[in-house]
């Protein structure tokens, strides 16, 4: 039997896990019941478990029958502050909270992987570390898990993750060499002017007018200071200022995000943004303060790890199931922190079918992922983990079919 056949044999369990998690989503660093659910399943399968890592994280460890390297497999567990609109019979029971980014899929898939690999320890030459991570949506969970030592004891030699991808059909896998997701940086700007009566603007310094110029001028950063071949996005998503229509306020606050795929460009951005913001304000007799926060680096997959996923998908699912993604996503993923420490790869799990709701974007209140993709994810992760630990080993002749 293949790992895909074994995954199909426990599909009912994986679907059951997924639907339970979907019904009871929890926000970042509040994944207490999710973590309990995950840890209990691992322990029921006699897998070594470490609870309460970075408060709501869970780490499992499967030791193979022979010594060797350690591969980590990561799934994120947190949901989003979205009111679900799918009308599924297992839709969210928690008002205003939804698994709209597929983290219920990721967690259920890794549970399925854990069950299968634990039943086939004879294939494992080394260790499988299972990382169930909180707070990916806040882009802070991975860093906290790393700080708690999840890449040590035993030391991790490589790491893999997957992510649901509605742009691809269920049953397919998307990979990319080089950057696959962007860096995410936060900018907070305070414009200082001089308050006064709206009838006397000549006696004031209007921070609202300055803010308008700052927003417009910031857009020239992307069009005039960044190479057209270097993807980048700058968005101001929040502006607060003023208390009454006849009052010129003293301050205006702006917040936004910058996304880049080049590590060098990410390093350059703070100086560029600070120059544009402060000089624009000064040119209009105002002042500006910038707080620039680098939240996460771009995710750049290791070339050898990408080749591993390529070979696994091509040989076990078929070449027609493998898609090389032309462009990186300008979304961000804190898996990048792991990939900075050890060779890593994140691959896309196709999740759409013929139904229009399956093709809605991530973070959409109506998106519905095709559950047939669950077994695809399980089989690829299992096979890739085994081959990473022993490149000459495939599972074709050694799977028992006992789960």
Foldseek 3Di string as FASTA:
>chain_A
DALLVLLVVCLVVLVVQLLVLQQEAAAFLGCQVVLVVLQVLCVVLVWDKDQQQVHHKIKTKAFAPAAFAEEEEEAEGHWAQAAFDAPDPSHYPDGRTGRLFCSSLQSSLLSSLSNQCNVVSNLFHHMYMYIYWGDFVVLCTVVSNVVSPSCPPPHHAEYEGETADLVFAFLAKEFEAWFAEWWKKKKKKKKFKAKDWQVCCVVIQASVVLVVVLVVQVVVCCVPVPDPVWDKDKDWDDKDDDDDPGMRTGMMMIMIMMITRDPVVVVVPVVVSVCSSQVSSVVSVIGMDMDMGRSAHTAGADPVLRVLLCVLCCVPRNNVRYHYDPDHHHHGGSCSVVCVVHHYTYMYRHFADPDPLCNDGRPDSNHDGHSSNSSVSNSSVNQSNSCVRPVVDGCVPPRDSDD
